[in-house]
């Protein structure tokens, strides 16, 4: 059984900040996270929502382009590409959280 002086439950922004701060006091810190690092905001909340919101905003601009004098054919939308880009962005953030935790 591992023993810690300080145990953090949750690997979101607050949990990682708490763990890093505790290490400044030379205590043995443990962190428990059942999912990917970054917490709700990074993995399923704020970040993916903002990516999808920005995608929808661009789609709206493209839809309304003729109202502003632009004469161009409407482009196709590749759902898999935006989904893969969103997921890759989240994985990159997970990696940044992991790196910050190890510092």
C-alpha atoms as a PDB file:
ATOM      1  CA  UNK A   1       0.000   0.000   0.000  1.00  0.00           C
ATOM      2  CA  UNK A   2       1.294   3.428  -0.950  1.00  0.00           C
ATOM      3  CA  UNK A   3       1.325   6.132   1.697  1.00  0.00           C
ATOM      4  CA  UNK A   4       1.013   9.836   1.034  1.00  0.00           C
ATOM      5  CA  UNK A   5       1.152  12.961   3.155  1.00  0.00           C
ATOM      6  CA  UNK A   6      -1.343  14.703   0.885  1.00  0.00           C
ATOM      7  CA  UNK A   7      -3.909  13.094  -1.393  1.00  0.00           C
ATOM      8  CA  UNK A   8      -5.674  14.962  -4.189  1.00  0.00           C
ATOM      9  CA  UNK A   9      -8.882  13.602  -5.677  1.00  0.00           C
ATOM     10  CA  UNK A  10      -9.358  14.840  -9.224  1.00  0.00           C
ATOM     11  CA  UNK A  11      -6.907  15.765 -11.961  1.00  0.00           C
ATOM     12  CA  UNK A  12      -8.572  18.923 -13.201  1.00  0.00           C
ATOM     13  CA  UNK A  13      -7.103  22.411 -12.973  1.00  0.00           C
ATOM     14  CA  UNK A  14      -7.710  22.699  -9.235  1.00  0.00           C
ATOM     15  CA  UNK A  15      -6.439  19.233  -8.387  1.00  0.00           C
ATOM     16  CA  UNK A  16      -3.227  19.634 -10.336  1.00  0.00           C
ATOM     17  CA  UNK A  17      -2.625  23.112  -8.895  1.00  0.00           C
ATOM     18  CA  UNK A  18      -3.207  21.751  -5.393  1.00  0.00           C
ATOM     19  CA  UNK A  19      -0.814  18.834  -5.926  1.00  0.00           C
ATOM     20  CA  UNK A  20       1.903  21.072  -7.323  1.00  0.00           C
ATOM     21  CA  UNK A  21       1.514  23.547  -4.457  1.00  0.00           C
ATOM     22  CA  UNK A  22       1.681  20.770  -1.859  1.00  0.00           C
ATOM     23  CA  UNK A  23       4.935  19.486  -3.377  1.00  0.00           C
ATOM     24  CA  UNK A  24       6.498  22.865  -2.643  1.00  0.00           C
ATOM     25  CA  UNK A  25       6.321  21.835   1.029  1.00  0.00           C
ATOM     26  CA  UNK A  26       8.280  18.623   0.393  1.00  0.00           C
ATOM     27  CA  UNK A  27       5.407  16.278   1.166  1.00  0.00           C
ATOM     28  CA  UNK A  28       4.637  13.028  -0.620  1.00  0.00           C
ATOM     29  CA  UNK A  29       1.657  13.811  -2.861  1.00  0.00           C
ATOM     30  CA  UNK A  30      -0.735  11.369  -4.495  1.00  0.00           C
ATOM     31  CA  UNK A  31      -3.339  12.250  -7.097  1.00  0.00           C
ATOM     32  CA  UNK A  32      -6.343  10.098  -7.975  1.00  0.00           C
ATOM     33  CA  UNK A  33      -8.029  10.549 -11.351  1.00  0.00           C
ATOM     34  CA  UNK A  34     -10.248   7.922 -12.946  1.00  0.00           C
ATOM     35  CA  UNK A  35     -10.379   9.604 -16.339  1.00  0.00           C
ATOM     36  CA  UNK A  36      -8.040  11.745 -18.433  1.00  0.00           C
ATOM     37  CA  UNK A  37      -6.244  14.674 -16.824  1.00  0.00           C
ATOM     38  CA  UNK A  38      -7.814  18.071 -17.322  1.00  0.00           C
ATOM     39  CA  UNK A  39     -11.152  17.529 -15.653  1.00  0.00           C
ATOM     40  CA  UNK A  40     -14.637  18.120 -16.949  1.00  0.00           C
ATOM     41  CA  UNK A  41     -13.874  21.450 -18.621  1.00  0.00           C
ATOM     42  CA  UNK A  42     -11.065  20.133 -20.810  1.00  0.00           C
ATOM     43  CA  UNK A  43     -12.472  16.709 -21.609  1.00  0.00           C
ATOM     44  CA  UNK A  44     -16.241  17.035 -21.993  1.00  0.00           C
ATOM     45  CA  UNK A  45     -17.249  20.590 -21.086  1.00  0.00           C
ATOM     46  CA  UNK A  46     -15.886  24.013 -21.931  1.00  0.00           C
ATOM     47  CA  UNK A  47     -13.173  23.095 -24.423  1.00  0.00           C
ATOM     48  CA  UNK A  48     -15.080  20.708 -26.723  1.00  0.00           C
ATOM     49  CA  UNK A  49     -18.135  22.990 -26.529  1.00  0.00           C
ATOM     50  CA  UNK A  50     -16.095  25.996 -27.644  1.00  0.00           C
ATOM     51  CA  UNK A  51     -14.560  24.075 -30.547  1.00  0.00           C
ATOM     52  CA  UNK A  52     -18.011  23.010 -31.737  1.00  0.00           C
ATOM     53  CA  UNK A  53     -19.464  26.492 -31.155  1.00  0.00           C
ATOM     54  CA  UNK A  54     -16.700  28.053 -33.256  1.00  0.00           C
ATOM     55  CA  UNK A  55     -17.345  25.475 -35.973  1.00  0.00           C
ATOM     56  CA  UNK A  56     -21.045  26.377 -35.989  1.00  0.00           C
ATOM     57  CA  UNK A  57     -20.197  30.094 -36.097  1.00  0.00           C
ATOM     58  CA  UNK A  58     -18.019  29.573 -39.171  1.00  0.00           C
ATOM     59  CA  UNK A  59     -20.808  27.551 -40.790  1.00  0.00           C
ATOM     60  CA  UNK A  60     -23.222  30.416 -40.121  1.00  0.00           C
ATOM     61  CA  UNK A  61     -20.833  32.918 -41.721  1.00  0.00           C
ATOM     62  CA  UNK A  62     -20.533  30.681 -44.769  1.00  0.00           C
ATOM     63  CA  UNK A  63     -24.308  30.287 -44.979  1.00  0.00           C
ATOM     64  CA  UNK A  64     -24.830  34.050 -44.898  1.00  0.00           C
ATOM     65  CA  UNK A  65     -21.929  34.992 -47.201  1.00  0.00           C
ATOM     66  CA  UNK A  66     -24.191  36.017 -50.104  1.00  0.00           C
ATOM     67  CA  UNK A  67     -25.936  38.594 -47.894  1.00  0.00           C
ATOM     68  CA  UNK A  68     -22.615  40.432 -47.700  1.00  0.00           C
ATOM     69  CA  UNK A  69     -21.838  40.384 -51.405  1.00  0.00           C
ATOM     70  CA  UNK A  70     -19.656  37.283 -51.520  1.00  0.00           C
ATOM     71  CA  UNK A  71     -20.387  35.101 -54.517  1.00  0.00           C
ATOM     72  CA  UNK A  72     -18.905  31.688 -53.897  1.00  0.00           C
ATOM     73  CA  UNK A  73     -20.261  28.164 -53.842  1.00  0.00           C
ATOM     74  CA  UNK A  74     -21.013  26.717 -50.440  1.00  0.00           C
ATOM     75  CA  UNK A  75     -18.309  24.356 -49.239  1.00  0.00           C
ATOM     76  CA  UNK A  76     -18.752  20.818 -47.998  1.00  0.00           C
ATOM     77  CA  UNK A  77     -18.487  20.004 -44.318  1.00  0.00           C
ATOM     78  CA  UNK A  78     -16.385  17.078 -43.092  1.00  0.00           C
ATOM     79  CA  UNK A  79     -17.766  15.996 -39.697  1.00  0.00           C
ATOM     80  CA  UNK A  80     -15.000  13.435 -39.113  1.00  0.00           C
ATOM     81  CA  UNK A  81     -12.303  16.051 -39.683  1.00  0.00           C
ATOM     82  CA  UNK A  82     -13.686  18.513 -37.107  1.00  0.00           C
ATOM     83  CA  UNK A  83     -14.341  15.703 -34.630  1.00  0.00           C
ATOM     84  CA  UNK A  84     -10.800  14.356 -35.042  1.00  0.00           C
ATOM     85  CA  UNK A  85      -9.329  17.868 -34.769  1.00  0.00           C
ATOM     86  CA  UNK A  86     -11.348  18.529 -31.603  1.00  0.00           C
ATOM     87  CA  UNK A  87     -10.279  15.219 -30.063  1.00  0.00           C
ATOM     88  CA  UNK A  88      -6.616  15.816 -30.964  1.00  0.00           C
ATOM     89  CA  UNK A  89      -6.774  19.272 -29.359  1.00  0.00           C
ATOM     90  CA  UNK A  90      -8.159  17.734 -26.161  1.00  0.00           C
ATOM     91  CA  UNK A  91      -5.435  15.047 -26.166  1.00  0.00           C
ATOM     92  CA  UNK A  92      -2.820  17.796 -26.518  1.00  0.00           C
ATOM     93  CA  UNK A  93      -4.298  19.573 -23.493  1.00  0.00           C
ATOM     94  CA  UNK A  94      -4.290  16.268 -21.551  1.00  0.00           C
ATOM     95  CA  UNK A  95      -0.586  15.951 -22.373  1.00  0.00           C
ATOM     96  CA  UNK A  96       0.095  19.500 -21.182  1.00  0.00           C
ATOM     97  CA  UNK A  97      -1.658  18.725 -17.887  1.00  0.00           C
ATOM     98  CA  UNK A  98       0.460  15.563 -17.541  1.00  0.00           C
ATOM     99  CA  UNK A  99       3.654  17.537 -18.191  1.00  0.00           C
ATOM    100  CA  UNK A 100       2.662  20.202 -15.650  1.00  0.00           C
ATOM    101  CA  UNK A 101       1.894  17.534 -13.074  1.00  0.00           C
ATOM    102  CA  UNK A 102       5.358  16.011 -13.510  1.00  0.00           C
ATOM    103  CA  UNK A 103       7.184  19.343 -13.048  1.00  0.00           C
END
